Amino acid sequence: MKVLIMTARARAEKFYDLSTLPKDWELVFAGSFPTPAAVRALGADADFIFADAVSRIDAELMDAMPRLRLIHSEGVGYNGIDIEAAARRGIYVCNHAAANSGAVAEHAILLILALQRRVLEGDAMVRAGEQIHAKERFILDEIPELGACSVGLVGFGAIGRETAKRLRGFGCAVYYCNRKKAPAEAESDCGAAYLDFDALLGTCDIVSLHLPANAETAGIIGRDALTRFKPGALLINTARGELIDQEALAEALAQGRLGGAGLDTLSPEPVRADNPLLRLPDACRYKVLFSPHIGGTTKQCFARTHRDVWRNFLDAAAGRKLRNIVNDRA
């Protein structure tokens, strides 16, 4: 078996003991974000691909790999993989459903609190010798408590539900919208109530995104949606950058219609210097908090996901049933 690894070699070696794999397996490391030409040169005869969660693997690349049987995402996301093309070619695509739910939920709350408590701005002012000035300004500007806020979750899958459970501990009023209303038992367990999308945007002090990126959800937070946000609301995105019209968000922030945005992911990734959210005026400097797409990258998550990738590869090689298949193989 030959495995093409399209993620950082250091990660592959750190989170799994590769020496335990069968001795006749060949591992080829292409690194994160390799070019299609590099992938074809290294892995044209590969049986399996181990891919970073934001890797692009299209039909043309699959055509160049006639032995390919399984593409496995390193994380939960797989929107860069053409799963329909894979199905037509008899190639399984697998991910890690719910493996990072708790970690991403924690990160969403981190972004909320950091924006509310103005952590970046406060840190900068203390370092500049302006501690007392910062304290007085923040008091007069009225720092809110998270427990006094209403939080709306757009998407109520595993991550949305874990976020709701954690918010309940702060005393928040938690709402959610989803393609399907959750069972009453799940609502009670998470302490969340259903609102439709428009009502949620107009009601909540904080809106947090927990959706996959696909044709239906791309740009769901666009100019029209942003006009329906409660004035001064916060927008949190620990899901996918494609969910947001970034030009429209930059405008809303610059015009003061939103209180801030906490963003763990942008589009495209790797982020480009011309991204509009990186070119906001100085007055917006502390309205946006970025993190480098690390919501689901805890030590515990990577230990689980790498273990499960290699387990699926071993099962595929032995003809056993796979876990977390996201496409129906033709």
C-alpha atoms as a PDB file:
ATOM      1  CA  MET A   1       0.000   0.000   0.000  1.00  0.00           C
ATOM      2  CA  LYS A   2       1.120   3.525  -0.758  1.00  0.00           C
ATOM      3  CA  VAL A   3      -0.163   6.466   1.283  1.00  0.00           C
ATOM      4  CA  LEU A   4       0.169  10.044   0.061  1.00  0.00           C
ATOM      5  CA  ILE A   5       0.197  12.358   3.089  1.00  0.00           C
ATOM      6  CA  MET A   6      -0.997  15.875   2.243  1.00  0.00           C
ATOM      7  CA  THR A   7      -0.427  17.412   5.649  1.00  0.00           C
ATOM      8  CA  ALA A   8       2.579  18.476   7.676  1.00  0.00           C
ATOM      9  CA  ARG A   9       5.030  15.630   8.171  1.00  0.00           C
ATOM     10  CA  ALA A  10       5.703  16.791  11.723  1.00  0.00           C
ATOM     11  CA  ARG A  11       2.019  16.304  12.585  1.00  0.00           C
ATOM     12  CA  ALA A  12       1.863  12.845  11.046  1.00  0.00           C
ATOM     13  CA  GLU A  13       4.934  11.759  12.985  1.00  0.00           C
ATOM     14  CA  LYS A  14       3.923  13.408  16.249  1.00  0.00           C
ATOM     15  CA  PHE A  15       0.404  12.064  16.634  1.00  0.00           C
ATOM     16  CA  TYR A  16       0.818   8.450  15.497  1.00  0.00           C
ATOM     17  CA  ASP A  17       3.564   5.865  15.763  1.00  0.00           C
ATOM     18  CA  LEU A  18       4.149   5.275  12.068  1.00  0.00           C
ATOM     19  CA  SER A  19       6.625   2.495  12.844  1.00  0.00           C
ATOM     20  CA  THR A  20       3.681   0.274  13.801  1.00  0.00           C
ATOM     21  CA  LEU A  21       2.323   0.275  10.237  1.00  0.00           C
ATOM     22  CA  PRO A  22       2.968  -2.726   7.976  1.00  0.00           C
ATOM     23  CA  LYS A  23       6.590  -2.766   6.834  1.00  0.00           C
ATOM     24  CA  ASP A  24       5.650  -2.973   3.155  1.00  0.00           C
ATOM     25  CA  TRP A  25       3.609   0.234   3.253  1.00  0.00           C
ATOM     26  CA  GLU A  26       5.155   3.233   1.527  1.00  0.00           C
ATOM     27  CA  LEU A  27       4.498   6.671   3.024  1.00  0.00           C
ATOM     28  CA  VAL A  28       5.063   9.701   0.811  1.00  0.00           C
ATOM     29  CA  PHE A  29       4.953  13.172   2.359  1.00  0.00           C
ATOM     30  CA  ALA A  30       3.725  15.987   0.101  1.00  0.00           C
ATOM     31  CA  GLY A  31       3.352  18.554   2.912  1.00  0.00           C
ATOM     32  CA  SER A  32       0.473  20.957   3.450  1.00  0.00           C
ATOM     33  CA  PHE A  33      -1.047  22.569   0.334  1.00  0.00           C
ATOM     34  CA  PRO A  34       1.069  20.842  -2.326  1.00  0.00           C
ATOM     35  CA  THR A  35       0.520  21.812  -5.951  1.00  0.00           C
ATOM     36  CA  PRO A  36      -1.449  19.371  -8.153  1.00  0.00           C
ATOM     37  CA  ALA A  37       1.724  18.761 -10.140  1.00  0.00           C
ATOM     38  CA  ALA A  38       3.604  17.826  -6.968  1.00  0.00           C
ATOM     39  CA  VAL A  39       0.800  15.480  -5.898  1.00  0.00           C
ATOM     40  CA  ARG A  40       0.795  13.741  -9.261  1.00  0.00           C
ATOM     41  CA  ALA A  41       4.574  13.414  -9.247  1.00  0.00           C
ATOM     42  CA  LEU A  42       4.689  11.941  -5.760  1.00  0.00           C
ATOM     43  CA  GLY A  43       1.461   9.983  -5.548  1.00  0.00           C
ATOM     44  CA  ALA A  44       0.159   8.971  -8.953  1.00  0.00           C
ATOM     45  CA  ASP A  45       0.226   5.341  -7.793  1.00  0.00           C
ATOM     46  CA  ALA A  46      -1.061   5.964  -4.235  1.00  0.00           C
ATOM     47  CA  ASP A  47      -3.833   3.821  -2.745  1.00  0.00           C
ATOM     48  CA  PHE A  48      -4.788   6.259   0.009  1.00  0.00           C
ATOM     49  CA  ILE A  49      -4.626  10.019   0.609  1.00  0.00           C
ATOM     50  CA  PHE A  50      -4.317  11.500   4.098  1.00  0.00           C
ATOM     51  CA  ALA A  51      -5.405  15.115   3.544  1.00  0.00           C
ATOM     52  CA  ASP A  52      -5.387  18.301   5.559  1.00  0.00           C
ATOM     53  CA  ALA A  53      -9.019  19.281   6.220  1.00  0.00           C
ATOM     54  CA  VAL A  54      -8.807  22.203   3.771  1.00  0.00           C
ATOM     55  CA  SER A  55      -6.956  20.338   0.997  1.00  0.00           C
ATOM     56  CA  ARG A  56      -8.246  20.634  -2.578  1.00  0.00           C
ATOM     57  CA  ILE A  57      -8.674  17.289  -4.285  1.00  0.00           C
ATOM     58  CA  ASP A  58     -10.639  17.544  -7.528  1.00  0.00           C
ATOM     59  CA  ALA A  59     -11.761  15.157 -10.248  1.00  0.00           C
ATOM     60  CA  GLU A  60      -8.727  15.873 -12.424  1.00  0.00           C
ATOM     61  CA  LEU A  61      -6.369  14.904  -9.619  1.00  0.00           C
ATOM     62  CA  MET A  62      -8.320  11.714  -8.960  1.00  0.00           C
ATOM     63  CA  ASP A  63      -8.119  10.831 -12.653  1.00  0.00           C
ATOM     64  CA  ALA A  64      -4.336  10.973 -12.376  1.00  0.00           C
ATOM     65  CA  MET A  65      -4.379   8.437  -9.505  1.00  0.00           C
ATOM     66  CA  PRO A  66      -5.888   5.198 -10.883  1.00  0.00           C
ATOM     67  CA  ARG A  67      -5.150   3.119  -7.763  1.00  0.00           C
ATOM     68  CA  LEU A  68      -6.766   5.570  -5.345  1.00  0.00           C
ATOM     69  CA  ARG A  69      -9.313   3.886  -3.044  1.00  0.00           C
ATOM     70  CA  LEU A  70      -9.733   6.176  -0.045  1.00  0.00           C
ATOM     71  CA  ILE A  71      -9.316   9.877   0.739  1.00  0.00           C
ATOM     72  CA  HIS A  72      -9.328  10.642   4.449  1.00  0.00           C
ATOM     73  CA  SER A  73      -9.640  14.160   5.842  1.00  0.00           C
ATOM     74  CA  GLU A  74      -7.441  14.945   8.815  1.00  0.00           C
ATOM     75  CA  GLY A  75     -10.348  16.782  10.438  1.00  0.00           C
ATOM     76  CA  VAL A  76     -14.097  17.236  10.234  1.00  0.00           C
ATOM     77  CA  GLY A  77     -14.102  19.347   7.066  1.00  0.00           C
ATOM     78  CA  TYR A  78     -13.942  17.914   3.574  1.00  0.00           C
ATOM     79  CA  ASN A  79     -15.470  20.629   1.387  1.00  0.00           C
ATOM     80  CA  GLY A  80     -12.274  20.847  -0.692  1.00  0.00           C
ATOM     81  CA  ILE A  81     -12.738  17.241  -1.825  1.00  0.00           C
ATOM     82  CA  ASP A  82     -15.033  16.563  -4.776  1.00  0.00           C
ATOM     83  CA  ILE A  83     -17.006  13.803  -3.074  1.00  0.00           C
ATOM     84  CA  GLU A  84     -19.297  13.225  -6.068  1.00  0.00           C
ATOM     85  CA  ALA A  85     -16.338  12.716  -8.379  1.00  0.00           C
ATOM     86  CA  ALA A  86     -14.860  10.353  -5.808  1.00  0.00           C
ATOM     87  CA  ALA A  87     -18.091   8.348  -5.673  1.00  0.00           C
ATOM     88  CA  ARG A  88     -18.184   8.049  -9.462  1.00  0.00           C
ATOM     89  CA  ARG A  89     -14.658   6.647  -9.379  1.00  0.00           C
ATOM     90  CA  GLY A  90     -15.398   4.209  -6.554  1.00  0.00           C
ATOM     91  CA  ILE A  91     -13.296   6.132  -4.030  1.00  0.00           C
ATOM     92  CA  TYR A  92     -14.381   6.439  -0.416  1.00  0.00           C
ATOM     93  CA  VAL A  93     -14.093   9.793   1.375  1.00  0.00           C
ATOM     94  CA  CYS A  94     -13.982   9.777   5.198  1.00  0.00           C
ATOM     95  CA  ASN A  95     -13.785  12.464   7.864  1.00  0.00           C
ATOM     96  CA  HIS A  96     -13.956  12.748  11.655  1.00  0.00           C
ATOM     97  CA  ALA A  97     -17.541  13.602  12.484  1.00  0.00           C
ATOM     98  CA  ALA A  98     -17.848  15.231  15.924  1.00  0.00           C
ATOM     99  CA  ALA A  99     -14.221  14.487  16.876  1.00  0.00           C
ATOM    100  CA  ASN A 100     -13.454  18.123  17.675  1.00  0.00           C
ATOM    101  CA  SER A 101     -16.883  19.299  18.870  1.00  0.00           C
ATOM    102  CA  GLY A 102     -15.875  20.153  22.424  1.00  0.00           C
ATOM    103  CA  ALA A 103     -12.648  21.848  21.382  1.00  0.00           C
ATOM    104  CA  VAL A 104     -14.342  24.078  18.798  1.00  0.00           C
ATOM    105  CA  ALA A 105     -17.107  24.946  21.267  1.00  0.00           C
ATOM    106  CA  GLU A 106     -14.466  26.082  23.768  1.00  0.00           C
ATOM    107  CA  HIS A 107     -12.816  28.207  21.095  1.00  0.00           C
ATOM    108  CA  ALA A 108     -16.079  29.896  20.132  1.00  0.00           C
ATOM    109  CA  ILE A 109     -16.559  30.962  23.733  1.00  0.00           C
ATOM    110  CA  LEU A 110     -12.945  32.138  23.912  1.00  0.00           C
ATOM    111  CA  LEU A 111     -13.553  34.461  20.949  1.00  0.00           C
ATOM    112  CA  ILE A 112     -16.777  35.782  22.476  1.00  0.00           C
ATOM    113  CA  LEU A 113     -15.179  36.580  25.830  1.00  0.00           C
ATOM    114  CA  ALA A 114     -12.045  38.065  24.277  1.00  0.00           C
ATOM    115  CA  LEU A 115     -14.155  40.473  22.218  1.00  0.00           C
ATOM    116  CA  GLN A 116     -16.483  41.386  25.065  1.00  0.00           C
ATOM    117  CA  ARG A 117     -13.639  42.011  27.503  1.00  0.00           C
ATOM    118  CA  ARG A 118     -11.580  43.797  24.826  1.00  0.00           C
ATOM    119  CA  VAL A 119      -8.570  41.614  25.517  1.00  0.00           C
ATOM    120  CA  LEU A 120      -6.425  42.732  22.571  1.00  0.00           C
ATOM    121  CA  GLU A 121      -7.049  46.426  23.183  1.00  0.00           C
ATOM    122  CA  GLY A 122      -6.526  46.125  26.925  1.00  0.00           C
ATOM    123  CA  ASP A 123      -3.283  44.230  26.485  1.00  0.00           C
ATOM    124  CA  ALA A 124      -1.965  46.871  24.075  1.00  0.00           C
ATOM    125  CA  MET A 125      -2.884  49.740  26.407  1.00  0.00           C
ATOM    126  CA  VAL A 126      -1.293  48.123  29.461  1.00  0.00           C
ATOM    127  CA  ARG A 127       1.914  47.528  27.487  1.00  0.00           C
ATOM    128  CA  ALA A 128       1.820  51.212  26.464  1.00  0.00           C
ATOM    129  CA  GLY A 129       1.595  52.357  30.097  1.00  0.00           C
ATOM    130  CA  GLU A 130      -2.102  53.217  29.861  1.00  0.00           C
ATOM    131  CA  GLN A 131      -3.573  50.736  32.324  1.00  0.00           C
ATOM    132  CA  ILE A 132      -5.681  53.199  34.341  1.00  0.00           C
ATOM    133  CA  HIS A 133      -6.886  54.992  31.212  1.00  0.00           C
ATOM    134  CA  ALA A 134      -7.956  51.675  29.726  1.00  0.00           C
ATOM    135  CA  LYS A 135      -9.760  50.648  32.896  1.00  0.00           C
ATOM    136  CA  GLU A 136     -11.713  53.909  33.114  1.00  0.00           C
ATOM    137  CA  ARG A 137     -12.597  53.832  29.423  1.00  0.00           C
ATOM    138  CA  PHE A 138     -13.812  50.245  29.547  1.00  0.00           C
ATOM    139  CA  ILE A 139     -15.939  50.914  32.646  1.00  0.00           C
ATOM    140  CA  LEU A 140     -17.651  53.887  31.019  1.00  0.00           C
ATOM    141  CA  ASP A 141     -18.155  51.945  27.780  1.00  0.00           C
ATOM    142  CA  GLU A 142     -19.962  49.270  29.829  1.00  0.00           C
ATOM    143  CA  ILE A 143     -18.415  45.810  29.484  1.00  0.00           C
ATOM    144  CA  PRO A 144     -21.219  43.215  29.303  1.00  0.00           C
ATOM    145  CA  GLU A 145     -21.324  39.925  31.152  1.00  0.00           C
ATOM    146  CA  LEU A 146     -21.748  36.937  28.882  1.00  0.00           C
ATOM    147  CA  GLY A 147     -24.519  35.617  31.112  1.00  0.00           C
ATOM    148  CA  ALA A 148     -26.604  38.705  30.398  1.00  0.00           C
ATOM    149  CA  CYS A 149     -26.456  38.128  26.637  1.00  0.00           C
ATOM    150  CA  SER A 150     -28.557  36.174  24.201  1.00  0.00           C
ATOM    151  CA  VAL A 151     -26.548  33.918  21.900  1.00  0.00           C
ATOM    152  CA  GLY A 152     -27.797  32.548  18.601  1.00  0.00           C
ATOM    153  CA  LEU A 153     -26.248  29.426  17.085  1.00  0.00           C
ATOM    154  CA  VAL A 154     -26.584  29.085  13.317  1.00  0.00           C
ATOM    155  CA  GLY A 155     -26.384  25.319  12.935  1.00  0.00           C
ATOM    156  CA  PHE A 156     -27.170  22.800  15.654  1.00  0.00           C
ATOM    157  CA  GLY A 157     -25.043  19.793  14.884  1.00  0.00           C
ATOM    158  CA  ALA A 158     -22.479  18.315  17.242  1.00  0.00           C
ATOM    159  CA  ILE A 159     -20.439  21.527  17.606  1.00  0.00           C
ATOM    160  CA  GLY A 160     -23.481  23.774  17.943  1.00  0.00           C
ATOM    161  CA  ARG A 161     -24.883  21.566  20.684  1.00  0.00           C
ATOM    162  CA  GLU A 162     -21.614  21.424  22.589  1.00  0.00           C
ATOM    163  CA  THR A 163     -21.403  25.220  22.368  1.00  0.00           C
ATOM    164  CA  ALA A 164     -24.950  25.542  23.730  1.00  0.00           C
ATOM    165  CA  LYS A 165     -24.138  23.294  26.680  1.00  0.00           C
ATOM    166  CA  ARG A 166     -21.148  25.419  27.616  1.00  0.00           C
ATOM    167  CA  LEU A 167     -23.054  28.686  27.207  1.00  0.00           C
ATOM    168  CA  ARG A 168     -25.771  27.394  29.496  1.00  0.00           C
ATOM    169  CA  GLY A 169     -23.203  27.367  32.293  1.00  0.00           C
ATOM    170  CA  PHE A 170     -22.743  31.129  31.875  1.00  0.00           C
ATOM    171  CA  GLY A 171     -26.481  31.724  32.215  1.00  0.00           C
ATOM    172  CA  CYS A 172     -27.018  32.889  28.623  1.00  0.00           C
ATOM    173  CA  ALA A 173     -30.287  32.757  26.780  1.00  0.00           C
ATOM    174  CA  VAL A 174     -29.365  30.374  23.947  1.00  0.00           C
ATOM    175  CA  TYR A 175     -31.210  30.068  20.642  1.00  0.00           C
ATOM    176  CA  TYR A 176     -30.496  28.082  17.521  1.00  0.00           C
ATOM    177  CA  CYS A 177     -31.632  27.807  13.931  1.00  0.00           C
ATOM    178  CA  ASN A 178     -31.129  24.714  11.860  1.00  0.00           C
ATOM    179  CA  ARG A 179     -32.422  23.074   8.704  1.00  0.00           C
ATOM    180  CA  LYS A 180     -34.469  20.798  10.961  1.00  0.00           C
ATOM    181  CA  LYS A 181     -35.797  21.612  14.408  1.00  0.00           C
ATOM    182  CA  ALA A 182     -34.091  19.449  17.020  1.00  0.00           C
ATOM    183  CA  PRO A 183     -36.080  17.008  19.168  1.00  0.00           C
ATOM    184  CA  ALA A 184     -37.414  18.467  22.427  1.00  0.00           C
ATOM    185  CA  GLU A 185     -35.056  16.237  24.402  1.00  0.00           C
ATOM    186  CA  ALA A 186     -31.997  17.678  22.620  1.00  0.00           C
ATOM    187  CA  GLU A 187     -33.245  21.248  23.152  1.00  0.00           C
ATOM    188  CA  SER A 188     -33.719  20.563  26.857  1.00  0.00           C
ATOM    189  CA  ASP A 189     -30.327  18.854  27.172  1.00  0.00           C
ATOM    190  CA  CYS A 190     -28.569  21.823  25.559  1.00  0.00           C
ATOM    191  CA  GLY A 191     -30.705  24.566  27.092  1.00  0.00           C
ATOM    192  CA  ALA A 192     -31.496  26.027  23.669  1.00  0.00           C
ATOM    193  CA  ALA A 193     -34.693  27.215  21.998  1.00  0.00           C
ATOM    194  CA  TYR A 194     -35.465  27.306  18.281  1.00  0.00           C
ATOM    195  CA  LEU A 195     -35.821  30.529  16.293  1.00  0.00           C
ATOM    196  CA  ASP A 196     -35.942  30.919  12.550  1.00  0.00           C
ATOM    197  CA  PHE A 197     -32.907  32.504  10.902  1.00  0.00           C
ATOM    198  CA  ASP A 198     -34.264  36.053  10.600  1.00  0.00           C
ATOM    199  CA  ALA A 199     -35.636  36.102  14.133  1.00  0.00           C
ATOM    200  CA  LEU A 200     -32.352  34.808  15.518  1.00  0.00           C
ATOM    201  CA  LEU A 201     -30.325  37.510  13.772  1.00  0.00           C
ATOM    202  CA  GLY A 202     -32.603  40.258  15.055  1.00  0.00           C
ATOM    203  CA  THR A 203     -32.823  38.918  18.603  1.00  0.00           C
ATOM    204  CA  CYS A 204     -29.335  37.842  19.620  1.00  0.00           C
ATOM    205  CA  ASP A 205     -26.440  39.858  21.003  1.00  0.00           C
ATOM    206  CA  ILE A 206     -24.015  37.244  19.679  1.00  0.00           C
ATOM    207  CA  VAL A 207     -24.357  35.083  16.562  1.00  0.00           C
ATOM    208  CA  SER A 208     -22.072  32.056  16.264  1.00  0.00           C
ATOM    209  CA  LEU A 209     -21.760  29.988  13.073  1.00  0.00           C
ATOM    210  CA  HIS A 210     -21.673  26.183  13.207  1.00  0.00           C
ATOM    211  CA  LEU A 211     -22.422  25.060   9.655  1.00  0.00           C
ATOM    212  CA  PRO A 212     -20.545  23.075   7.033  1.00  0.00           C
ATOM    213  CA  ALA A 213     -19.501  24.894   3.868  1.00  0.00           C
ATOM    214  CA  ASN A 214     -21.486  23.822   0.815  1.00  0.00           C
ATOM    215  CA  ALA A 215     -23.520  25.319  -2.029  1.00  0.00           C
ATOM    216  CA  GLU A 216     -26.470  25.927   0.290  1.00  0.00           C
ATOM    217  CA  THR A 217     -24.551  27.667   3.089  1.00  0.00           C
ATOM    218  CA  ALA A 218     -21.920  29.637   1.137  1.00  0.00           C
ATOM    219  CA  GLY A 219     -22.346  33.356   1.833  1.00  0.00           C
ATOM    220  CA  ILE A 220     -25.224  32.812   4.259  1.00  0.00           C
ATOM    221  CA  ILE A 221     -23.938  35.834   6.182  1.00  0.00           C
ATOM    222  CA  GLY A 222     -24.060  38.378   3.398  1.00  0.00           C
ATOM    223  CA  ARG A 223     -25.115  42.006   3.057  1.00  0.00           C
ATOM    224  CA  ASP A 224     -28.797  41.261   3.469  1.00  0.00           C
ATOM    225  CA  ALA A 225     -28.289  39.080   6.540  1.00  0.00           C
ATOM    226  CA  LEU A 226     -25.940  41.613   8.126  1.00  0.00           C
ATOM    227  CA  THR A 227     -28.605  44.324   7.918  1.00  0.00           C
ATOM    228  CA  ARG A 228     -30.838  42.146  10.110  1.00  0.00           C
ATOM    229  CA  PHE A 229     -28.304  41.769  12.922  1.00  0.00           C
ATOM    230  CA  LYS A 230     -29.033  43.500  16.200  1.00  0.00           C
ATOM    231  CA  PRO A 231     -26.992  46.758  16.266  1.00  0.00           C
ATOM    232  CA  GLY A 232     -23.685  46.178  18.012  1.00  0.00           C
ATOM    233  CA  ALA A 233     -23.954  42.390  17.866  1.00  0.00           C
ATOM    234  CA  LEU A 234     -20.909  40.136  17.704  1.00  0.00           C
ATOM    235  CA  LEU A 235     -20.351  37.594  14.927  1.00  0.00           C
ATOM    236  CA  ILE A 236     -18.322  34.472  15.692  1.00  0.00           C
ATOM    237  CA  ASN A 237     -17.109  32.016  13.051  1.00  0.00           C
ATOM    238  CA  THR A 238     -15.317  28.816  14.033  1.00  0.00           C
ATOM    239  CA  ALA A 239     -16.768  26.897  11.067  1.00  0.00           C
ATOM    240  CA  ARG A 240     -15.691  27.860   7.545  1.00  0.00           C
ATOM    241  CA  GLY A 241     -14.744  31.179   5.988  1.00  0.00           C
ATOM    242  CA  GLU A 242     -16.975  30.499   2.976  1.00  0.00           C
ATOM    243  CA  LEU A 243     -20.058  31.086   5.135  1.00  0.00           C
ATOM    244  CA  ILE A 244     -19.401  34.841   5.204  1.00  0.00           C
ATOM    245  CA  ASP A 245     -19.359  37.467   2.469  1.00  0.00           C
ATOM    246  CA  GLN A 246     -16.108  38.996   3.700  1.00  0.00           C
ATOM    247  CA  GLU A 247     -16.491  42.267   1.775  1.00  0.00           C
ATOM    248  CA  ALA A 248     -19.933  42.763   3.329  1.00  0.00           C
ATOM    249  CA  LEU A 249     -18.632  41.984   6.812  1.00  0.00           C
ATOM    250  CA  ALA A 250     -15.752  44.429   6.383  1.00  0.00           C
ATOM    251  CA  GLU A 251     -18.265  47.125   5.406  1.00  0.00           C
ATOM    252  CA  ALA A 252     -20.523  46.376   8.383  1.00  0.00           C
ATOM    253  CA  LEU A 253     -17.584  46.592  10.781  1.00  0.00           C
ATOM    254  CA  ALA A 254     -16.207  49.781   9.236  1.00  0.00           C
ATOM    255  CA  GLN A 255     -19.643  51.409   9.404  1.00  0.00           C
ATOM    256  CA  GLY A 256     -20.082  50.443  13.056  1.00  0.00           C
ATOM    257  CA  ARG A 257     -23.163  48.292  12.516  1.00  0.00           C
ATOM    258  CA  LEU A 258     -21.548  45.313  14.259  1.00  0.00           C
ATOM    259  CA  GLY A 259     -19.785  45.391  17.584  1.00  0.00           C
ATOM    260  CA  GLY A 260     -17.112  42.988  16.443  1.00  0.00           C
ATOM    261  CA  ALA A 261     -16.206  39.687  14.844  1.00  0.00           C
ATOM    262  CA  GLY A 262     -14.216  36.742  16.157  1.00  0.00           C
ATOM    263  CA  LEU A 263     -12.927  34.674  13.234  1.00  0.00           C
ATOM    264  CA  ASP A 264     -11.059  31.396  13.421  1.00  0.00           C
ATOM    265  CA  THR A 265     -11.307  30.871   9.676  1.00  0.00           C
ATOM    266  CA  LEU A 266     -11.249  32.940   6.501  1.00  0.00           C
ATOM    267  CA  SER A 267     -11.665  32.233   2.806  1.00  0.00           C
ATOM    268  CA  PRO A 268      -9.580  31.173   1.033  1.00  0.00           C
ATOM    269  CA  GLU A 269      -7.008  29.486   3.209  1.00  0.00           C
ATOM    270  CA  PRO A 270      -4.108  30.008   3.378  1.00  0.00           C
ATOM    271  CA  VAL A 271      -5.322  33.576   3.816  1.00  0.00           C
ATOM    272  CA  ARG A 272      -4.203  36.133   1.235  1.00  0.00           C
ATOM    273  CA  ALA A 273      -2.939  39.617   2.003  1.00  0.00           C
ATOM    274  CA  ASP A 274      -5.767  41.177  -0.042  1.00  0.00           C
ATOM    275  CA  ASN A 275      -8.498  39.726   2.178  1.00  0.00           C
ATOM    276  CA  PRO A 276     -10.808  42.689   2.978  1.00  0.00           C
ATOM    277  CA  LEU A 277     -10.907  41.787   6.664  1.00  0.00           C
ATOM    278  CA  LEU A 278      -7.141  42.292   6.841  1.00  0.00           C
ATOM    279  CA  ARG A 279      -7.460  45.771   5.340  1.00  0.00           C
ATOM    280  CA  LEU A 280      -9.919  47.401   7.737  1.00  0.00           C
ATOM    281  CA  PRO A 281      -9.338  51.011   8.843  1.00  0.00           C
ATOM    282  CA  ASP A 282      -7.400  51.614  12.055  1.00  0.00           C
ATOM    283  CA  ALA A 283     -10.629  52.480  13.894  1.00  0.00           C
ATOM    284  CA  CYS A 284     -11.628  48.817  13.504  1.00  0.00           C
ATOM    285  CA  ARG A 285      -8.332  47.454  14.746  1.00  0.00           C
ATOM    286  CA  TYR A 286      -9.822  45.932  17.879  1.00  0.00           C
ATOM    287  CA  LYS A 287     -13.224  45.049  16.460  1.00  0.00           C
ATOM    288  CA  VAL A 288     -11.867  41.934  14.799  1.00  0.00           C
ATOM    289  CA  LEU A 289     -10.110  39.084  16.551  1.00  0.00           C
ATOM    290  CA  PHE A 290      -8.423  36.481  14.366  1.00  0.00           C
ATOM    291  CA  SER A 291      -7.121  33.065  15.288  1.00  0.00           C
ATOM    292  CA  PRO A 292      -5.285  30.805  12.820  1.00  0.00           C
ATOM    293  CA  HIS A 293      -7.966  28.107  12.376  1.00  0.00           C
ATOM    294  CA  ILE A 294      -7.055  26.308  15.588  1.00  0.00           C
ATOM    295  CA  GLY A 295     -10.497  25.739  17.123  1.00  0.00           C
ATOM    296  CA  GLY A 296     -10.320  21.999  16.621  1.00  0.00           C
ATOM    297  CA  THR A 297      -6.565  21.482  16.817  1.00  0.00           C
ATOM    298  CA  THR A 298      -6.061  20.499  20.432  1.00  0.00           C
ATOM    299  CA  LYS A 299      -3.634  17.784  21.454  1.00  0.00           C
ATOM    300  CA  GLN A 300      -6.515  15.474  22.317  1.00  0.00           C
ATOM    301  CA  CYS A 301      -8.287  16.057  18.973  1.00  0.00           C
ATOM    302  CA  PHE A 302      -5.189  15.297  16.935  1.00  0.00           C
ATOM    303  CA  ALA A 303      -4.414  12.175  18.922  1.00  0.00           C
ATOM    304  CA  ARG A 304      -7.954  10.888  18.226  1.00  0.00           C
ATOM    305  CA  THR A 305      -8.112  11.879  14.579  1.00  0.00           C
ATOM    306  CA  HIS A 306      -4.712  10.520  13.566  1.00  0.00           C
ATOM    307  CA  ARG A 307      -5.435   7.251  15.353  1.00  0.00           C
ATOM    308  CA  ASP A 308      -8.710   6.963  13.455  1.00  0.00           C
ATOM    309  CA  VAL A 309      -7.202   7.826  10.045  1.00  0.00           C
ATOM    310  CA  TRP A 310      -4.668   5.038  10.280  1.00  0.00           C
ATOM    311  CA  ARG A 311      -7.254   2.635  11.661  1.00  0.00           C
ATOM    312  CA  ASN A 312      -9.434   3.307   8.621  1.00  0.00           C
ATOM    313  CA  PHE A 313      -6.485   2.822   6.256  1.00  0.00           C
ATOM    314  CA  LEU A 314      -5.657  -0.500   7.915  1.00  0.00           C
ATOM    315  CA  ASP A 315      -9.295  -1.558   7.696  1.00  0.00           C
ATOM    316  CA  ALA A 316      -9.493  -0.554   4.027  1.00  0.00           C
ATOM    317  CA  ALA A 317      -6.376  -2.577   3.269  1.00  0.00           C
ATOM    318  CA  ALA A 318      -7.921  -5.595   5.013  1.00  0.00           C
ATOM    319  CA  GLY A 319     -11.323  -5.204   3.354  1.00  0.00           C
ATOM    320  CA  ARG A 320     -13.072  -4.305   6.616  1.00  0.00           C
ATOM    321  CA  LYS A 321     -15.898  -1.805   7.115  1.00  0.00           C
ATOM    322  CA  LEU A 322     -14.847   1.862   7.281  1.00  0.00           C
ATOM    323  CA  ARG A 323     -15.980   4.523   9.729  1.00  0.00           C
ATOM    324  CA  ASN A 324     -17.258   8.035   8.982  1.00  0.00           C
ATOM    325  CA  ILE A 325     -17.821   7.652   5.223  1.00  0.00           C
ATOM    326  CA  VAL A 326     -19.243  10.906   3.822  1.00  0.00           C
ATOM    327  CA  ASN A 327     -19.957   9.762   0.257  1.00  0.00           C
ATOM    328  CA  ASP A 328     -21.694   6.772  -1.257  1.00  0.00           C
ATOM    329  CA  ARG A 329     -19.142   4.949  -3.301  1.00  0.00           C
ATOM    330  CA  ALA A 330     -20.488   4.024  -6.752  1.00  0.00           C
END
